[in-house]
N, C-alpha and C. Protein backbone atom coordinates (compact mmCIF):
# COMPACT_ATOMS: atom_id res chain seq x y z
N GLN A 1 127.59 53.44 116.00
CA GLN A 1 128.52 53.32 114.87
C GLN A 1 129.63 54.36 114.99
N VAL A 2 130.82 53.93 114.67
CA VAL A 2 131.99 54.83 114.64
C VAL A 2 132.71 54.60 113.33
N GLN A 3 133.04 55.68 112.64
CA GLN A 3 133.81 55.58 111.41
C GLN A 3 135.21 56.15 111.68
N LEU A 4 136.21 55.48 111.11
CA LEU A 4 137.60 55.83 111.37
C LEU A 4 138.38 55.94 110.07
N VAL A 5 139.17 56.99 109.93
CA VAL A 5 139.99 57.18 108.74
C VAL A 5 141.39 57.57 109.19
N GLU A 6 142.38 56.71 108.86
CA GLU A 6 143.77 56.97 109.24
C GLU A 6 144.49 57.75 108.15
N SER A 7 145.53 58.43 108.58
CA SER A 7 146.43 59.10 107.64
C SER A 7 147.77 59.32 108.33
N GLY A 8 148.79 59.65 107.54
CA GLY A 8 150.07 60.02 108.12
C GLY A 8 151.19 59.00 107.99
N GLY A 9 150.92 57.86 107.41
CA GLY A 9 151.98 56.87 107.24
C GLY A 9 152.99 57.31 106.19
N GLY A 10 154.07 56.55 106.10
CA GLY A 10 155.08 56.87 105.10
C GLY A 10 156.36 56.10 105.32
N LEU A 11 157.38 56.49 104.57
CA LEU A 11 158.70 55.87 104.64
C LEU A 11 159.65 56.82 105.35
N VAL A 12 160.25 56.35 106.44
CA VAL A 12 161.19 57.16 107.20
C VAL A 12 162.43 56.32 107.52
N GLN A 13 163.45 56.99 108.02
CA GLN A 13 164.67 56.30 108.43
C GLN A 13 164.63 56.03 109.93
N ALA A 14 165.41 55.06 110.34
CA ALA A 14 165.51 54.74 111.77
C ALA A 14 165.92 55.98 112.55
N GLY A 15 165.24 56.21 113.66
CA GLY A 15 165.51 57.39 114.48
C GLY A 15 164.60 58.56 114.19
N ASP A 16 163.91 58.51 113.07
CA ASP A 16 163.00 59.59 112.69
C ASP A 16 161.70 59.51 113.47
N SER A 17 160.88 60.54 113.27
CA SER A 17 159.56 60.60 113.89
C SER A 17 158.48 60.65 112.83
N LEU A 18 157.29 60.23 113.23
CA LEU A 18 156.13 60.24 112.34
C LEU A 18 154.89 60.38 113.21
N ARG A 19 153.90 61.09 112.72
CA ARG A 19 152.64 61.22 113.46
C ARG A 19 151.49 60.68 112.61
N LEU A 20 150.79 59.72 113.17
CA LEU A 20 149.60 59.18 112.53
C LEU A 20 148.36 59.88 113.08
N SER A 21 147.36 60.02 112.22
CA SER A 21 146.10 60.63 112.62
C SER A 21 144.95 59.68 112.34
N CYS A 22 143.96 59.73 113.20
CA CYS A 22 142.76 58.92 113.02
C CYS A 22 141.55 59.83 113.23
N LEU A 23 140.87 60.14 112.14
CA LEU A 23 139.68 60.98 112.21
C LEU A 23 138.49 60.09 112.55
N ALA A 24 137.84 60.40 113.67
CA ALA A 24 136.73 59.58 114.14
C ALA A 24 135.41 60.34 114.01
N SER A 25 134.38 59.62 113.65
CA SER A 25 133.05 60.22 113.55
C SER A 25 132.02 59.19 113.99
N GLY A 26 130.86 59.68 114.38
CA GLY A 26 129.82 58.78 114.83
C GLY A 26 129.22 59.23 116.14
N ARG A 27 127.98 58.82 116.36
CA ARG A 27 127.25 59.28 117.53
C ARG A 27 127.80 58.73 118.83
N THR A 28 128.52 57.60 118.79
CA THR A 28 128.95 56.95 120.02
C THR A 28 130.40 57.20 120.37
N ILE A 29 131.05 58.14 119.69
CA ILE A 29 132.48 58.34 119.93
C ILE A 29 132.76 58.77 121.37
N ASN A 30 131.85 59.50 121.98
CA ASN A 30 132.09 59.97 123.34
C ASN A 30 132.14 58.86 124.37
N SER A 31 131.60 57.71 124.05
CA SER A 31 131.63 56.58 124.96
C SER A 31 132.55 55.48 124.45
N ALA A 32 133.53 55.87 123.66
CA ALA A 32 134.41 54.89 123.03
C ALA A 32 135.83 54.98 123.57
N ALA A 33 136.56 53.93 123.34
CA ALA A 33 138.01 53.92 123.50
C ALA A 33 138.58 53.68 122.11
N VAL A 34 139.63 54.39 121.80
CA VAL A 34 140.26 54.29 120.47
C VAL A 34 141.66 53.75 120.64
N GLY A 35 142.01 52.82 119.79
CA GLY A 35 143.33 52.21 119.88
C GLY A 35 144.04 52.20 118.55
N TRP A 36 145.35 52.10 118.64
CA TRP A 36 146.18 51.88 117.46
C TRP A 36 146.73 50.46 117.53
N PHE A 37 146.62 49.76 116.42
CA PHE A 37 147.17 48.42 116.28
C PHE A 37 148.14 48.44 115.11
N ARG A 38 148.97 47.42 115.03
CA ARG A 38 149.85 47.29 113.88
C ARG A 38 150.01 45.83 113.50
N GLN A 39 150.23 45.64 112.20
CA GLN A 39 150.41 44.29 111.68
C GLN A 39 151.57 44.29 110.71
N ALA A 40 152.61 43.57 111.08
CA ALA A 40 153.77 43.40 110.21
C ALA A 40 153.53 42.20 109.30
N PRO A 41 154.23 42.14 108.16
CA PRO A 41 154.03 41.01 107.23
C PRO A 41 154.25 39.67 107.91
N GLY A 42 153.29 38.78 107.76
CA GLY A 42 153.41 37.45 108.31
C GLY A 42 153.17 37.35 109.80
N LYS A 43 152.74 38.44 110.42
CA LYS A 43 152.51 38.45 111.87
C LYS A 43 151.08 38.82 112.18
N GLU A 44 150.70 38.60 113.42
CA GLU A 44 149.36 38.95 113.85
C GLU A 44 149.25 40.46 114.10
N ARG A 45 148.02 40.94 114.12
CA ARG A 45 147.76 42.33 114.42
C ARG A 45 147.86 42.52 115.93
N ASP A 46 148.70 43.43 116.36
CA ASP A 46 148.97 43.64 117.79
C ASP A 46 148.56 45.03 118.25
N PHE A 47 148.13 45.09 119.49
CA PHE A 47 147.80 46.37 120.12
C PHE A 47 149.07 47.18 120.34
N VAL A 48 148.98 48.49 120.08
CA VAL A 48 150.12 49.38 120.28
C VAL A 48 149.83 50.38 121.41
N ALA A 49 148.69 51.07 121.29
CA ALA A 49 148.35 52.09 122.28
C ALA A 49 146.85 52.34 122.23
N GLY A 50 146.30 52.80 123.34
CA GLY A 50 144.88 53.09 123.39
C GLY A 50 144.59 54.30 124.24
N ILE A 51 143.44 54.93 123.99
CA ILE A 51 143.04 56.11 124.74
C ILE A 51 141.53 56.09 124.93
N THR A 52 141.08 56.44 126.11
CA THR A 52 139.65 56.56 126.38
C THR A 52 139.21 57.96 125.99
N TRP A 53 138.21 58.05 125.14
CA TRP A 53 137.85 59.36 124.56
C TRP A 53 137.43 60.34 125.65
N SER A 54 136.63 59.90 126.59
CA SER A 54 136.06 60.84 127.55
C SER A 54 137.05 61.31 128.60
N THR A 55 137.97 60.43 129.03
CA THR A 55 138.88 60.78 130.12
C THR A 55 140.30 61.10 129.67
N GLY A 56 140.66 60.62 128.49
CA GLY A 56 142.03 60.80 128.02
C GLY A 56 143.01 59.79 128.59
N GLY A 57 142.51 58.83 129.37
CA GLY A 57 143.39 57.81 129.91
C GLY A 57 144.04 56.99 128.81
N THR A 58 145.32 56.63 128.99
CA THR A 58 146.08 55.96 127.93
C THR A 58 146.67 54.65 128.40
N ASP A 59 147.04 53.84 127.43
CA ASP A 59 147.67 52.54 127.67
C ASP A 59 148.60 52.25 126.50
N TYR A 60 149.73 51.59 126.80
CA TYR A 60 150.72 51.30 125.77
C TYR A 60 151.26 49.88 125.93
N VAL A 61 151.66 49.30 124.81
CA VAL A 61 152.42 48.07 124.87
C VAL A 61 153.84 48.43 125.30
N ASP A 62 154.49 47.54 125.99
CA ASP A 62 155.80 47.86 126.57
C ASP A 62 156.83 48.30 125.53
N SER A 63 156.77 47.71 124.34
CA SER A 63 157.80 47.96 123.34
C SER A 63 157.80 49.39 122.81
N VAL A 64 156.72 50.14 123.04
CA VAL A 64 156.66 51.52 122.53
C VAL A 64 156.64 52.56 123.64
N LYS A 65 156.61 52.14 124.88
CA LYS A 65 156.59 53.09 125.98
C LYS A 65 157.84 53.97 125.94
N GLY A 66 157.62 55.27 126.09
CA GLY A 66 158.73 56.21 126.04
C GLY A 66 159.06 56.69 124.64
N ARG A 67 158.52 56.02 123.62
CA ARG A 67 158.77 56.43 122.23
C ARG A 67 157.49 56.92 121.55
N PHE A 68 156.38 56.28 121.83
CA PHE A 68 155.10 56.62 121.19
C PHE A 68 154.20 57.33 122.20
N THR A 69 153.41 58.26 121.69
CA THR A 69 152.43 58.96 122.53
C THR A 69 151.10 59.02 121.80
N ILE A 70 150.05 58.55 122.46
CA ILE A 70 148.71 58.63 121.90
C ILE A 70 147.99 59.81 122.55
N SER A 71 147.24 60.54 121.76
CA SER A 71 146.50 61.68 122.28
C SER A 71 145.25 61.88 121.44
N ARG A 72 144.33 62.72 121.94
CA ARG A 72 143.16 63.02 121.14
C ARG A 72 142.83 64.50 121.21
N ASP A 73 142.27 64.98 120.11
CA ASP A 73 141.80 66.36 120.01
C ASP A 73 140.28 66.29 119.89
N ILE A 74 139.60 66.67 120.97
CA ILE A 74 138.15 66.54 121.01
C ILE A 74 137.48 67.44 119.98
N VAL A 75 138.04 68.62 119.76
CA VAL A 75 137.45 69.56 118.80
C VAL A 75 137.54 69.02 117.38
N LYS A 76 138.70 68.42 117.06
CA LYS A 76 138.90 67.90 115.71
C LYS A 76 138.46 66.45 115.56
N ASN A 77 137.99 65.84 116.66
CA ASN A 77 137.56 64.43 116.61
C ASN A 77 138.66 63.53 116.06
N THR A 78 139.88 63.78 116.48
CA THR A 78 141.02 63.07 115.92
C THR A 78 141.88 62.48 117.03
N VAL A 79 142.33 61.27 116.82
CA VAL A 79 143.30 60.61 117.70
C VAL A 79 144.63 60.55 116.97
N TYR A 80 145.68 60.89 117.69
CA TYR A 80 147.02 60.92 117.11
C TYR A 80 147.90 59.84 117.73
N LEU A 81 148.84 59.37 116.95
CA LEU A 81 149.90 58.52 117.48
C LEU A 81 151.22 59.15 117.06
N GLN A 82 151.87 59.80 118.00
CA GLN A 82 153.17 60.39 117.75
C GLN A 82 154.23 59.32 117.98
N MET A 83 155.00 59.03 116.96
CA MET A 83 155.99 57.97 117.03
C MET A 83 157.38 58.58 116.89
N ASN A 84 158.18 58.47 117.92
CA ASN A 84 159.54 58.99 117.91
C ASN A 84 160.55 57.84 117.98
N SER A 85 161.78 58.14 117.63
CA SER A 85 162.86 57.14 117.69
C SER A 85 162.44 55.84 117.01
N LEU A 86 161.92 55.96 115.81
CA LEU A 86 161.40 54.79 115.11
C LEU A 86 162.50 53.79 114.80
N LYS A 87 162.13 52.52 114.83
CA LYS A 87 163.06 51.43 114.57
C LYS A 87 162.53 50.61 113.39
N PRO A 88 163.41 49.89 112.71
CA PRO A 88 162.94 49.05 111.60
C PRO A 88 161.84 48.07 112.03
N GLU A 89 161.90 47.60 113.25
CA GLU A 89 160.88 46.66 113.73
C GLU A 89 159.52 47.32 113.97
N ASP A 90 159.43 48.64 113.84
CA ASP A 90 158.14 49.32 113.90
C ASP A 90 157.42 49.29 112.55
N THR A 91 158.09 48.79 111.54
CA THR A 91 157.50 48.71 110.21
C THR A 91 156.26 47.81 110.24
N ALA A 92 155.14 48.34 109.77
CA ALA A 92 153.88 47.60 109.79
C ALA A 92 152.79 48.45 109.16
N VAL A 93 151.65 47.83 108.94
CA VAL A 93 150.44 48.59 108.64
C VAL A 93 149.81 48.94 109.97
N TYR A 94 149.53 50.21 110.18
CA TYR A 94 148.95 50.68 111.43
C TYR A 94 147.46 50.94 111.24
N TYR A 95 146.68 50.40 112.16
CA TYR A 95 145.24 50.52 112.10
C TYR A 95 144.72 51.28 113.31
N CYS A 96 143.73 52.09 113.08
CA CYS A 96 142.98 52.73 114.14
C CYS A 96 141.71 51.91 114.38
N ALA A 97 141.36 51.74 115.63
CA ALA A 97 140.18 50.94 115.95
C ALA A 97 139.45 51.55 117.15
N ALA A 98 138.19 51.19 117.29
CA ALA A 98 137.39 51.73 118.40
C ALA A 98 136.52 50.65 119.02
N ARG A 99 136.26 50.81 120.30
CA ARG A 99 135.37 49.90 121.02
C ARG A 99 134.60 50.74 122.03
N HIS A 100 133.49 50.19 122.49
CA HIS A 100 132.78 50.84 123.59
C HIS A 100 133.60 50.65 124.85
N VAL A 101 133.65 51.65 125.70
CA VAL A 101 134.50 51.58 126.89
C VAL A 101 134.12 50.44 127.82
N ARG A 102 132.88 49.97 127.76
CA ARG A 102 132.44 48.88 128.64
C ARG A 102 132.69 47.50 128.06
N THR A 103 133.31 47.46 126.88
CA THR A 103 133.63 46.17 126.27
C THR A 103 135.13 46.09 126.03
N THR A 104 135.59 44.91 125.65
CA THR A 104 137.01 44.72 125.39
C THR A 104 137.31 44.53 123.91
N ALA A 105 136.31 44.23 123.12
CA ALA A 105 136.54 43.94 121.71
C ALA A 105 136.46 45.22 120.86
N TYR A 106 137.50 45.42 120.07
CA TYR A 106 137.48 46.53 119.11
C TYR A 106 136.67 46.08 117.90
N VAL A 107 135.62 46.78 117.59
CA VAL A 107 134.71 46.36 116.52
C VAL A 107 134.68 47.29 115.33
N TYR A 108 135.22 48.47 115.49
CA TYR A 108 135.26 49.42 114.38
C TYR A 108 136.73 49.62 113.99
N TRP A 109 136.98 49.53 112.68
CA TRP A 109 138.36 49.57 112.20
C TRP A 109 138.49 50.53 111.02
N GLY A 110 139.64 51.18 110.96
CA GLY A 110 139.98 51.96 109.78
C GLY A 110 140.62 51.08 108.73
N GLN A 111 141.04 51.71 107.64
CA GLN A 111 141.55 50.94 106.50
C GLN A 111 143.05 50.65 106.64
N GLY A 112 143.72 51.33 107.56
CA GLY A 112 145.15 51.10 107.77
C GLY A 112 146.02 52.06 107.00
N THR A 113 147.20 52.30 107.53
CA THR A 113 148.18 53.15 106.87
C THR A 113 149.57 52.54 107.06
N GLN A 114 150.34 52.49 105.98
CA GLN A 114 151.64 51.82 106.00
C GLN A 114 152.72 52.72 106.61
N VAL A 115 153.46 52.15 107.53
CA VAL A 115 154.65 52.80 108.09
C VAL A 115 155.85 51.91 107.80
N THR A 116 156.83 52.46 107.12
CA THR A 116 158.04 51.72 106.80
C THR A 116 159.25 52.47 107.34
N VAL A 117 160.04 51.78 108.16
CA VAL A 117 161.23 52.38 108.76
C VAL A 117 162.46 51.67 108.21
N SER A 118 163.28 52.41 107.51
CA SER A 118 164.48 51.82 106.92
C SER A 118 165.66 51.97 107.87
N SER A 119 166.57 51.03 107.79
CA SER A 119 167.74 51.05 108.69
C SER A 119 168.90 51.83 108.10
């Protein structure tokens, strides 16, 4: 079991930066991969970035490469999503999720945090 709690969303202007946090807990976190997803109104939930807890290896969707950075703090059990050069199209509810590294399905989800980017 993995429990996830997001924080850090808010309202910003285009070009601004924002950092999301995902506090993770649970006995299996060391064998997990943690990802950030987002869902805009009327759209499907899409993968944004992911990180393997044990190795720190990362992955990004093309639309955020060079602007977003995912990282983790092992001591604080927290995964961060640093978002720079935000655009109005980044507006969405952002979710933190976790899966076992040997699987592909994310099965543990946080409650989500709203990010709104005004033009």
